[in-house]
Amino acid sequence: IELGVEKLLDCGVDCIACLDDSVCAHVLHKLQKENIRVPEEMRVASF
């Protein structure tokens, strides 16, 4: 998941949609580690 988030950031996405709640929790943790603010710098949603 962390590697996937890094690839999405490199691709310049403006939102990350997570296929479930567990993945979303990990995505949010990774963004926090990278000091990327939600939603100011990256939007996030969960399916």
All heavy atoms as atom14 arrays in JSON, in Angstrom:
{
  "sequence": "IELGVEKLLDCGVDCIACLDDSVCAHVLHKLQKENIRVPEEMRVASF",
  "atom14_mask": [
    [1, 1, 1, 1, 1, 1, 1, 1, 0, 0, 0, 0, 0, 0],
    [1, 1, 1, 1, 1, 1, 1, 1, 1, 0, 0, 0, 0, 0],
    [1, 1, 1, 1, 1, 1, 1, 1, 0, 0, 0, 0, 0, 0],
    [1, 1, 1, 1, 0, 0, 0, 0, 0, 0, 0, 0, 0, 0],
    [1, 1, 1, 1, 1, 1, 1, 0, 0, 0, 0, 0, 0, 0],
    [1, 1, 1, 1, 1, 1, 1, 1, 1, 0, 0, 0, 0, 0],
    [1, 1, 1, 1, 1, 1, 1, 1, 1, 0, 0, 0, 0, 0],
    [1, 1, 1, 1, 1, 1, 1, 1, 0, 0, 0, 0, 0, 0],
    [1, 1, 1, 1, 1, 1, 1, 1, 0, 0, 0, 0, 0, 0],
    [1, 1, 1, 1, 1, 1, 1, 1, 0, 0, 0, 0, 0, 0],
    [1, 1, 1, 1, 1, 1, 0, 0, 0, 0, 0, 0, 0, 0],
    [1, 1, 1, 1, 0, 0, 0, 0, 0, 0, 0, 0, 0, 0],
    [1, 1, 1, 1, 1, 1, 1, 0, 0, 0, 0, 0, 0, 0],
    [1, 1, 1, 1, 1, 1, 1, 1, 0, 0, 0, 0, 0, 0],
    [1, 1, 1, 1, 1, 1, 0, 0, 0, 0, 0, 0, 0, 0],
    [1, 1, 1, 1, 1, 1, 1, 1, 0, 0, 0, 0, 0, 0],
    [1, 1, 1, 1, 1, 0, 0, 0, 0, 0, 0, 0, 0, 0],
    [1, 1, 1, 1, 1, 1, 0, 0, 0, 0, 0, 0, 0, 0],
    [1, 1, 1, 1, 1, 1, 1, 1, 0, 0, 0, 0, 0, 0],
    [1, 1, 1, 1, 1, 1, 1, 1, 0, 0, 0, 0, 0, 0],
    [1, 1, 1, 1, 1, 1, 1, 1, 0, 0, 0, 0, 0, 0],
    [1, 1, 1, 1, 1, 1, 0, 0, 0, 0, 0, 0, 0, 0],
    [1, 1, 1, 1, 1, 1, 1, 0, 0, 0, 0, 0, 0, 0],
    [1, 1, 1, 1, 1, 1, 0, 0, 0, 0, 0, 0, 0, 0],
    [1, 1, 1, 1, 1, 0, 0, 0, 0, 0, 0, 0, 0, 0],
    [1, 1, 1, 1, 1, 1, 1, 1, 1, 1, 0, 0, 0, 0],
    [1, 1, 1, 1, 1, 1, 1, 0, 0, 0, 0, 0, 0, 0],
    [1, 1, 1, 1, 1, 1, 1, 1, 0, 0, 0, 0, 0, 0],
    [1, 1, 1, 1, 1, 1, 1, 1, 1, 1, 0, 0, 0, 0],
    [1, 1, 1, 1, 1, 1, 1, 1, 1, 0, 0, 0, 0, 0],
    [1, 1, 1, 1, 1, 1, 1, 1, 0, 0, 0, 0, 0, 0],
    [1, 1, 1, 1, 1, 1, 1, 1, 1, 0, 0, 0, 0, 0],
    [1, 1, 1, 1, 1, 1, 1, 1, 1, 0, 0, 0, 0, 0],
    [1, 1, 1, 1, 1, 1, 1, 1, 1, 0, 0, 0, 0, 0],
    [1, 1, 1, 1, 1, 1, 1, 1, 0, 0, 0, 0, 0, 0],
    [1, 1, 1, 1, 1, 1, 1, 1, 0, 0, 0, 0, 0, 0],
    [1, 1, 1, 1, 1, 1, 1, 1, 1, 1, 1, 0, 0, 0],
    [1, 1, 1, 1, 1, 1, 1, 0, 0, 0, 0, 0, 0, 0],
    [1, 1, 1, 1, 1, 1, 1, 0, 0, 0, 0, 0, 0, 0],
    [1, 1, 1, 1, 1, 1, 1, 1, 1, 0, 0, 0, 0, 0],
    [1, 1, 1, 1, 1, 1, 1, 1, 1, 0, 0, 0, 0, 0],
    [1, 1, 1, 1, 1, 1, 1, 1, 0, 0, 0, 0, 0, 0],
    [1, 1, 1, 1, 1, 1, 1, 1, 1, 1, 1, 0, 0, 0],
    [1, 1, 1, 1, 1, 1, 1, 0, 0, 0, 0, 0, 0, 0],
    [1, 1, 1, 1, 1, 0, 0, 0, 0, 0, 0, 0, 0, 0],
    [1, 1, 1, 1, 1, 1, 0, 0, 0, 0, 0, 0, 0, 0],
    [1, 1, 1, 1, 1, 1, 1, 1, 1, 1, 1, 0, 0, 0]
  ],
  "atom14_positions": [
    [[0.85, -1.2, 0.0], [0.0, 0.0, 0.0], [0.87, 1.24, 0.0], [0.62, 2.2, -0.74], [-0.95, -0.01, 1.21], [-1.96, -1.16, 1.09], [-1.69, 1.33, 1.32], [-2.8, -1.37, 2.32], [0.0, 0.0, 0.0], [0.0, 0.0, 0.0], [0.0, 0.0, 0.0], [0.0, 0.0, 0.0], [0.0, 0.0, 0.0], [0.0, 0.0, 0.0]],
    [[1.91, 1.25, 0.83], [2.82, 2.41, 0.88], [3.48, 2.64, -0.47], [3.57, 3.79, -0.93], [3.87, 2.21, 1.97], [3.3, 2.25, 3.38], [4.36, 2.59, 4.42], [5.51, 2.89, 4.02], [4.03, 2.57, 5.62], [0.0, 0.0, 0.0], [0.0, 0.0, 0.0], [0.0, 0.0, 0.0], [0.0, 0.0, 0.0], [0.0, 0.0, 0.0]],
    [[3.91, 1.56, -1.11], [4.54, 1.68, -2.42], [3.52, 2.19, -3.45], [3.84, 3.04, -4.29], [5.09, 0.32, -2.86], [5.81, 0.28, -4.21], [7.01, 1.24, -4.22], [6.26, -1.14, -4.54], [0.0, 0.0, 0.0], [0.0, 0.0, 0.0], [0.0, 0.0, 0.0], [0.0, 0.0, 0.0], [0.0, 0.0, 0.0], [0.0, 0.0, 0.0]],
    [[2.3, 1.7, -3.35], [1.24, 2.15, -4.25], [0.95, 3.63, -4.1], [0.77, 4.35, -5.09], [0.0, 0.0, 0.0], [0.0, 0.0, 0.0], [0.0, 0.0, 0.0], [0.0, 0.0, 0.0], [0.0, 0.0, 0.0], [0.0, 0.0, 0.0], [0.0, 0.0, 0.0], [0.0, 0.0, 0.0], [0.0, 0.0, 0.0], [0.0, 0.0, 0.0]],
    [[0.92, 4.11, -2.86], [0.69, 5.54, -2.61], [1.83, 6.37, -3.21], [1.59, 7.41, -3.84], [0.57, 5.82, -1.1], [0.54, 7.33, -0.84], [-0.7, 5.17, -0.54], [0.0, 0.0, 0.0], [0.0, 0.0, 0.0], [0.0, 0.0, 0.0], [0.0, 0.0, 0.0], [0.0, 0.0, 0.0], [0.0, 0.0, 0.0], [0.0, 0.0, 0.0]],
    [[3.06, 5.89, -3.05], [4.2, 6.61, -3.63], [4.08, 6.72, -5.14], [4.35, 7.78, -5.73], [5.5, 5.89, -3.25], [5.86, 6.01, -1.76], [7.04, 5.13, -1.38], [7.65, 4.52, -2.3], [7.36, 5.04, -0.17], [0.0, 0.0, 0.0], [0.0, 0.0, 0.0], [0.0, 0.0, 0.0], [0.0, 0.0, 0.0], [0.0, 0.0, 0.0]],
    [[3.64, 5.63, -5.79], [3.48, 5.65, -7.25], [2.37, 6.61, -7.66], [2.51, 7.33, -8.67], [3.18, 4.25, -7.75], [4.37, 3.29, -7.66], [4.0, 1.91, -8.18], [5.2, 0.96, -8.14], [4.84, -0.4, -8.6], [0.0, 0.0, 0.0], [0.0, 0.0, 0.0], [0.0, 0.0, 0.0], [0.0, 0.0, 0.0], [0.0, 0.0, 0.0]],
    [[1.28, 6.64, -6.89], [0.18, 7.55, -7.22], [0.62, 9.0, -7.07], [0.24, 9.86, -7.87], [-1.03, 7.25, -6.31], [-1.75, 5.93, -6.57], [-2.85, 5.7, -5.53], [-2.34, 5.9, -7.98], [0.0, 0.0, 0.0], [0.0, 0.0, 0.0], [0.0, 0.0, 0.0], [0.0, 0.0, 0.0], [0.0, 0.0, 0.0], [0.0, 0.0, 0.0]],
    [[1.42, 9.27, -6.04], [1.93, 10.63, -5.84], [2.83, 11.03, -7.0], [2.78, 12.17, -7.5], [2.68, 10.73, -4.51], [1.84, 10.56, -3.24], [2.74, 10.53, -2.01], [0.81, 11.68, -3.11], [0.0, 0.0, 0.0], [0.0, 0.0, 0.0], [0.0, 0.0, 0.0], [0.0, 0.0, 0.0], [0.0, 0.0, 0.0], [0.0, 0.0, 0.0]],
    [[3.67, 10.1, -7.46], [4.57, 10.37, -8.59], [3.78, 10.65, -9.87], [4.24, 11.4, -10.75], [5.52, 9.19, -8.82], [6.56, 9.05, -7.73], [6.79, 10.04, -7.0], [7.13, 7.95, -7.58], [0.0, 0.0, 0.0], [0.0, 0.0, 0.0], [0.0, 0.0, 0.0], [0.0, 0.0, 0.0], [0.0, 0.0, 0.0], [0.0, 0.0, 0.0]],
    [[2.6, 10.03, -9.97], [1.76, 10.21, -11.16], [0.89, 11.47, -11.09], [0.15, 11.78, -12.04], [0.86, 8.99, -11.37], [1.75, 7.52, -11.92], [0.0, 0.0, 0.0], [0.0, 0.0, 0.0], [0.0, 0.0, 0.0], [0.0, 0.0, 0.0], [0.0, 0.0, 0.0], [0.0, 0.0, 0.0], [0.0, 0.0, 0.0], [0.0, 0.0, 0.0]],
    [[0.99, 12.21, -10.0], [0.28, 13.48, -9.88], [-1.22, 13.38, -9.72], [-1.96, 14.24, -10.23], [0.0, 0.0, 0.0], [0.0, 0.0, 0.0], [0.0, 0.0, 0.0], [0.0, 0.0, 0.0], [0.0, 0.0, 0.0], [0.0, 0.0, 0.0], [0.0, 0.0, 0.0], [0.0, 0.0, 0.0], [0.0, 0.0, 0.0], [0.0, 0.0, 0.0]],
    [[-1.71, 12.37, -8.99], [-3.15, 12.28, -8.77], [-3.59, 13.38, -7.79], [-2.79, 13.86, -6.98], [-3.55, 10.89, -8.21], [-3.17, 9.79, -9.17], [-2.95, 10.64, -6.82], [0.0, 0.0, 0.0], [0.0, 0.0, 0.0], [0.0, 0.0, 0.0], [0.0, 0.0, 0.0], [0.0, 0.0, 0.0], [0.0, 0.0, 0.0], [0.0, 0.0, 0.0]],
    [[-4.85, 13.8, -7.92], [-5.36, 14.79, -6.98], [-6.35, 14.18, -5.98], [-6.88, 14.87, -5.11], [-6.01, 15.97, -7.7], [-7.0, 15.54, -8.77], [-7.48, 14.39, -8.71], [-7.29, 16.35, -9.67], [0.0, 0.0, 0.0], [0.0, 0.0, 0.0], [0.0, 0.0, 0.0], [0.0, 0.0, 0.0], [0.0, 0.0, 0.0], [0.0, 0.0, 0.0]],
    [[-6.59, 12.89, -6.1], [-7.45, 12.19, -5.16], [-7.08, 10.7, -5.18], [-6.74, 10.16, -6.24], [-8.94, 12.35, -5.54], [-10.09, 11.46, -4.47], [0.0, 0.0, 0.0], [0.0, 0.0, 0.0], [0.0, 0.0, 0.0], [0.0, 0.0, 0.0], [0.0, 0.0, 0.0], [0.0, 0.0, 0.0], [0.0, 0.0, 0.0], [0.0, 0.0, 0.0]],
    [[-7.14, 10.05, -4.02], [-6.91, 8.61, -3.93], [-8.19, 7.95, -3.45], [-8.67, 8.23, -2.35], [-5.76, 8.27, -2.96], [-4.44, 8.9, -3.45], [-5.61, 6.75, -2.83], [-3.27, 8.68, -2.5], [0.0, 0.0, 0.0], [0.0, 0.0, 0.0], [0.0, 0.0, 0.0], [0.0, 0.0, 0.0], [0.0, 0.0, 0.0], [0.0, 0.0, 0.0]],
    [[-8.76, 7.09, -4.3], [-9.95, 6.32, -3.93], [-9.51, 4.93, -3.5], [-8.81, 4.23, -4.24], [-10.91, 6.23, -5.11], [0.0, 0.0, 0.0], [0.0, 0.0, 0.0], [0.0, 0.0, 0.0], [0.0, 0.0, 0.0], [0.0, 0.0, 0.0], [0.0, 0.0, 0.0], [0.0, 0.0, 0.0], [0.0, 0.0, 0.0], [0.0, 0.0, 0.0]],
    [[-9.9, 4.54, -2.29], [-9.47, 3.25, -1.72], [-10.61, 2.24, -1.85], [-11.76, 2.56, -1.57], [-9.12, 3.43, -0.25], [-7.95, 4.8, 0.05], [0.0, 0.0, 0.0], [0.0, 0.0, 0.0], [0.0, 0.0, 0.0], [0.0, 0.0, 0.0], [0.0, 0.0, 0.0], [0.0, 0.0, 0.0], [0.0, 0.0, 0.0], [0.0, 0.0, 0.0]],
    [[-10.26, 1.01, -2.24], [-11.3, 0.02, -2.47], [-11.97, -0.48, -1.19], [-13.06, -1.04, -1.26], [-10.75, -1.17, -3.28], [-10.91, -0.93, -4.79], [-9.71, -0.2, -5.36], [-11.17, -2.22, -5.53], [0.0, 0.0, 0.0], [0.0, 0.0, 0.0], [0.0, 0.0, 0.0], [0.0, 0.0, 0.0], [0.0, 0.0, 0.0], [0.0, 0.0, 0.0]],
    [[-11.35, -0.28, -0.04], [-12.05, -0.61, 1.21], [-11.49, 0.21, 2.36], [-10.54, 0.99, 2.2], [-11.98, -2.12, 1.51], [-10.56, -2.62, 1.72], [-9.79, -1.98, 2.45], [-10.21, -3.68, 1.14], [0.0, 0.0, 0.0], [0.0, 0.0, 0.0], [0.0, 0.0, 0.0], [0.0, 0.0, 0.0], [0.0, 0.0, 0.0], [0.0, 0.0, 0.0]],
    [[-12.1, 0.05, 3.53], [-11.78, 0.86, 4.7], [-10.38, 0.58, 5.24], [-9.68, 1.49, 5.68], [-12.82, 0.63, 5.8], [-13.06, -0.86, 6.06], [-12.68, -1.69, 5.21], [-13.65, -1.19, 7.1], [0.0, 0.0, 0.0], [0.0, 0.0, 0.0], [0.0, 0.0, 0.0], [0.0, 0.0, 0.0], [0.0, 0.0, 0.0], [0.0, 0.0, 0.0]],
    [[-9.96, -0.69, 5.19], [-8.64, -1.05, 5.7], [-7.53, -0.38, 4.88], [-6.59, 0.2, 5.43], [-8.47, -2.57, 5.68], [-7.14, -2.93, 5.94], [0.0, 0.0, 0.0], [0.0, 0.0, 0.0], [0.0, 0.0, 0.0], [0.0, 0.0, 0.0], [0.0, 0.0, 0.0], [0.0, 0.0, 0.0], [0.0, 0.0, 0.0], [0.0, 0.0, 0.0]],
    [[-7.65, -0.49, 3.56], [-6.67, 0.15, 2.68], [-6.66, 1.65, 2.91], [-5.6, 2.28, 2.96], [-6.98, -0.18, 1.21], [-6.11, 0.65, 0.27], [-6.77, -1.66, 0.94], [0.0, 0.0, 0.0], [0.0, 0.0, 0.0], [0.0, 0.0, 0.0], [0.0, 0.0, 0.0], [0.0, 0.0, 0.0], [0.0, 0.0, 0.0], [0.0, 0.0, 0.0]],
    [[-7.85, 2.22, 3.08], [-7.95, 3.66, 3.31], [-7.19, 4.08, 4.57], [-6.49, 5.1, 4.58], [-9.42, 4.07, 3.41], [-9.67, 5.86, 3.48], [0.0, 0.0, 0.0], [0.0, 0.0, 0.0], [0.0, 0.0, 0.0], [0.0, 0.0, 0.0], [0.0, 0.0, 0.0], [0.0, 0.0, 0.0], [0.0, 0.0, 0.0], [0.0, 0.0, 0.0]],
    [[-7.32, 3.3, 5.63], [-6.62, 3.62, 6.88], [-5.1, 3.62, 6.66], [-4.39, 4.5, 7.17], [-7.0, 2.61, 7.96], [0.0, 0.0, 0.0], [0.0, 0.0, 0.0], [0.0, 0.0, 0.0], [0.0, 0.0, 0.0], [0.0, 0.0, 0.0], [0.0, 0.0, 0.0], [0.0, 0.0, 0.0], [0.0, 0.0, 0.0], [0.0, 0.0, 0.0]],
    [[-4.59, 2.67, 5.88], [-3.16, 2.6, 5.59], [-2.73, 3.77, 4.7], [-1.64, 4.33, 4.88], [-2.81, 1.28, 4.9], [-2.84, 0.1, 5.82], [-2.03, 0.0, 6.93], [-3.58, -1.03, 5.8], [-2.27, -1.13, 7.55], [-3.21, -1.78, 6.88], [0.0, 0.0, 0.0], [0.0, 0.0, 0.0], [0.0, 0.0, 0.0], [0.0, 0.0, 0.0]],
    [[-3.57, 4.14, 3.75], [-3.27, 5.28, 2.87], [-3.15, 6.55, 3.69], [-2.21, 7.35, 3.51], [-4.34, 5.42, 1.77], [-4.2, 6.77, 1.05], [-4.24, 4.28, 0.76], [0.0, 0.0, 0.0], [0.0, 0.0, 0.0], [0.0, 0.0, 0.0], [0.0, 0.0, 0.0], [0.0, 0.0, 0.0], [0.0, 0.0, 0.0], [0.0, 0.0, 0.0]],
    [[-4.08, 6.75, 4.59], [-4.06, 7.95, 5.44], [-2.81, 7.99, 6.3], [-2.19, 9.05, 6.49], [-5.31, 7.98, 6.33], [-6.63, 8.21, 5.59], [-7.82, 7.92, 6.51], [-6.72, 9.64, 5.06], [0.0, 0.0, 0.0], [0.0, 0.0, 0.0], [0.0, 0.0, 0.0], [0.0, 0.0, 0.0], [0.0, 0.0, 0.0], [0.0, 0.0, 0.0]],
    [[-2.41, 6.82, 6.81], [-1.19, 6.75, 7.63], [0.04, 7.1, 6.8], [0.92, 7.85, 7.26], [-1.05, 5.34, 8.21], [0.18, 5.14, 9.03], [0.38, 5.77, 10.24], [1.29, 4.38, 8.8], [1.56, 5.43, 10.73], [2.12, 4.57, 9.88], [0.0, 0.0, 0.0], [0.0, 0.0, 0.0], [0.0, 0.0, 0.0], [0.0, 0.0, 0.0]],
    [[0.09, 6.6, 5.57], [1.23, 6.89, 4.69], [1.29, 8.39, 4.35], [2.38, 8.99, 4.38], [1.11, 6.06, 3.41], [2.13, 6.4, 2.33], [3.57, 6.12, 2.76], [4.54, 6.34, 1.61], [5.95, 6.17, 2.03], [0.0, 0.0, 0.0], [0.0, 0.0, 0.0], [0.0, 0.0, 0.0], [0.0, 0.0, 0.0], [0.0, 0.0, 0.0]],
    [[0.15, 8.97, 4.05], [0.12, 10.41, 3.74], [0.58, 11.23, 4.93], [1.29, 12.24, 4.78], [-1.28, 10.82, 3.31], [-1.78, 10.24, 1.97], [-3.23, 10.63, 1.74], [-0.9, 10.73, 0.81], [0.0, 0.0, 0.0], [0.0, 0.0, 0.0], [0.0, 0.0, 0.0], [0.0, 0.0, 0.0], [0.0, 0.0, 0.0], [0.0, 0.0, 0.0]],
    [[0.2, 10.8, 6.13], [0.62, 11.49, 7.34], [2.14, 11.41, 7.5], [2.8, 12.39, 7.87], [-0.09, 10.9, 8.56], [0.18, 11.64, 9.85], [-0.58, 11.04, 11.02], [-0.73, 9.82, 11.12], [-1.08, 11.88, 11.91], [0.0, 0.0, 0.0], [0.0, 0.0, 0.0], [0.0, 0.0, 0.0], [0.0, 0.0, 0.0], [0.0, 0.0, 0.0]],
    [[2.7, 10.22, 7.23], [4.15, 10.04, 7.32], [4.89, 10.94, 6.33], [6.0, 11.42, 6.63], [4.51, 8.57, 7.03], [4.29, 7.63, 8.2], [4.52, 6.18, 7.8], [5.92, 5.96, 7.28], [6.16, 4.5, 6.96], [0.0, 0.0, 0.0], [0.0, 0.0, 0.0], [0.0, 0.0, 0.0], [0.0, 0.0, 0.0], [0.0, 0.0, 0.0]],
    [[4.28, 11.17, 5.18], [4.89, 12.0, 4.15], [4.56, 13.48, 4.33], [4.91, 14.31, 3.48], [4.42, 11.54, 2.77], [4.79, 10.11, 2.41], [6.29, 9.93, 2.3], [6.98, 10.88, 1.89], [6.77, 8.81, 2.64], [0.0, 0.0, 0.0], [0.0, 0.0, 0.0], [0.0, 0.0, 0.0], [0.0, 0.0, 0.0], [0.0, 0.0, 0.0]],
    [[3.87, 13.81, 5.44], [3.46, 15.2, 5.73], [2.61, 15.81, 4.62], [2.74, 17.0, 4.29], [4.7, 16.08, 5.99], [5.44, 15.67, 7.25], [4.82, 15.44, 8.29], [6.76, 15.55, 7.14], [0.0, 0.0, 0.0], [0.0, 0.0, 0.0], [0.0, 0.0, 0.0], [0.0, 0.0, 0.0], [0.0, 0.0, 0.0], [0.0, 0.0, 0.0]],
    [[1.76, 14.99, 4.04], [0.82, 15.46, 3.0], [-0.55, 15.63, 3.65], [-1.14, 14.68, 4.16], [0.75, 14.45, 1.84], [2.12, 14.35, 1.16], [-0.33, 14.85, 0.83], [2.2, 13.28, 0.1], [0.0, 0.0, 0.0], [0.0, 0.0, 0.0], [0.0, 0.0, 0.0], [0.0, 0.0, 0.0], [0.0, 0.0, 0.0], [0.0, 0.0, 0.0]],
    [[-1.04, 16.85, 3.65], [-2.28, 17.16, 4.34], [-3.51, 16.78, 3.52], [-3.56, 17.0, 2.33], [-2.33, 18.65, 4.68], [-1.25, 19.12, 5.66], [-1.3, 20.62, 5.83], [-1.05, 21.29, 4.54], [-1.4, 22.54, 4.27], [-2.04, 23.26, 5.19], [-1.12, 23.08, 3.1], [0.0, 0.0, 0.0], [0.0, 0.0, 0.0], [0.0, 0.0, 0.0]],
    [[-4.49, 16.2, 4.25], [-5.79, 15.85, 3.67], [-6.83, 16.81, 4.25], [-6.92, 16.96, 5.47], [-6.16, 14.38, 4.01], [-7.55, 14.03, 3.47], [-5.11, 13.41, 3.5], [0.0, 0.0, 0.0], [0.0, 0.0, 0.0], [0.0, 0.0, 0.0], [0.0, 0.0, 0.0], [0.0, 0.0, 0.0], [0.0, 0.0, 0.0], [0.0, 0.0, 0.0]],
    [[-7.6, 17.49, 3.43], [-7.72, 17.41, 1.97], [-6.93, 18.5, 1.23], [-7.02, 18.58, 0.01], [-9.21, 17.64, 1.77], [-9.56, 18.66, 2.83], [-8.7, 18.3, 4.02], [0.0, 0.0, 0.0], [0.0, 0.0, 0.0], [0.0, 0.0, 0.0], [0.0, 0.0, 0.0], [0.0, 0.0, 0.0], [0.0, 0.0, 0.0], [0.0, 0.0, 0.0]],
    [[-6.17, 19.34, 1.97], [-5.52, 20.49, 1.34], [-4.59, 20.09, 0.19], [-4.56, 20.74, -0.85], [-4.73, 21.29, 2.39], [-5.61, 22.0, 3.41], [-5.98, 21.12, 4.58], [-5.65, 19.89, 4.55], [-6.6, 21.62, 5.53], [0.0, 0.0, 0.0], [0.0, 0.0, 0.0], [0.0, 0.0, 0.0], [0.0, 0.0, 0.0], [0.0, 0.0, 0.0]],
    [[-3.82, 19.01, 0.41], [-2.86, 18.59, -0.61], [-3.24, 17.29, -1.32], [-2.74, 17.0, -2.4], [-1.47, 18.43, 0.03], [-0.94, 19.74, 0.59], [0.33, 19.54, 1.4], [0.24, 19.1, 2.57], [1.42, 19.79, 0.84], [0.0, 0.0, 0.0], [0.0, 0.0, 0.0], [0.0, 0.0, 0.0], [0.0, 0.0, 0.0], [0.0, 0.0, 0.0]],
    [[-4.11, 16.52, -0.73], [-4.58, 15.27, -1.34], [-5.96, 14.92, -0.8], [-6.17, 14.9, 0.41], [-3.61, 14.11, -1.05], [-4.03, 12.78, -1.67], [-4.12, 12.85, -3.48], [-2.38, 13.14, -3.86], [0.0, 0.0, 0.0], [0.0, 0.0, 0.0], [0.0, 0.0, 0.0], [0.0, 0.0, 0.0], [0.0, 0.0, 0.0], [0.0, 0.0, 0.0]],
    [[-6.89, 14.67, -1.71], [-8.21, 14.19, -1.29], [-8.18, 12.67, -1.19], [-7.46, 12.01, -1.92], [-9.29, 14.61, -2.28], [-9.77, 16.03, -2.09], [-9.03, 16.96, -2.98], [-9.71, 18.25, -3.11], [-9.33, 19.2, -3.93], [-8.27, 19.01, -4.71], [-9.98, 20.34, -3.99], [0.0, 0.0, 0.0], [0.0, 0.0, 0.0], [0.0, 0.0, 0.0]],
    [[-9.03, 12.15, -0.3], [-9.1, 10.7, -0.08], [-10.55, 10.28, 0.09], [-11.35, 10.97, 0.74], [-8.3, 10.29, 1.19], [-8.45, 8.79, 1.46], [-6.82, 10.64, 1.04], [0.0, 0.0, 0.0], [0.0, 0.0, 0.0], [0.0, 0.0, 0.0], [0.0, 0.0, 0.0], [0.0, 0.0, 0.0], [0.0, 0.0, 0.0], [0.0, 0.0, 0.0]],
    [[-10.9, 9.14, -0.51], [-12.25, 8.58, -0.35], [-12.14, 7.07, -0.21], [-11.17, 6.45, -0.65], [-13.13, 8.94, -1.56], [0.0, 0.0, 0.0], [0.0, 0.0, 0.0], [0.0, 0.0, 0.0], [0.0, 0.0, 0.0], [0.0, 0.0, 0.0], [0.0, 0.0, 0.0], [0.0, 0.0, 0.0], [0.0, 0.0, 0.0], [0.0, 0.0, 0.0]],
    [[-13.16, 6.45, 0.4], [-13.18, 5.01, 0.59], [-14.44, 4.42, -0.02], [-15.53, 4.98, 0.14], [-13.1, 4.65, 2.08], [-13.25, 3.27, 2.27], [0.0, 0.0, 0.0], [0.0, 0.0, 0.0], [0.0, 0.0, 0.0], [0.0, 0.0, 0.0], [0.0, 0.0, 0.0], [0.0, 0.0, 0.0], [0.0, 0.0, 0.0], [0.0, 0.0, 0.0]],
    [[-14.31, 3.27, -0.68], [-15.46, 2.58, -1.26], [-16.21, 1.74, -0.23], [-17.18, 1.08, -0.56], [-15.02, 1.68, -2.42], [-14.67, 2.43, -3.67], [-14.0, 1.8, -4.7], [-15.01, 3.77, -3.83], [-13.68, 2.47, -5.87], [-14.68, 4.46, -4.99], [-14.02, 3.81, -6.02], [0.0, 0.0, 0.0], [0.0, 0.0, 0.0], [0.0, 0.0, 0.0]]
  ]
}
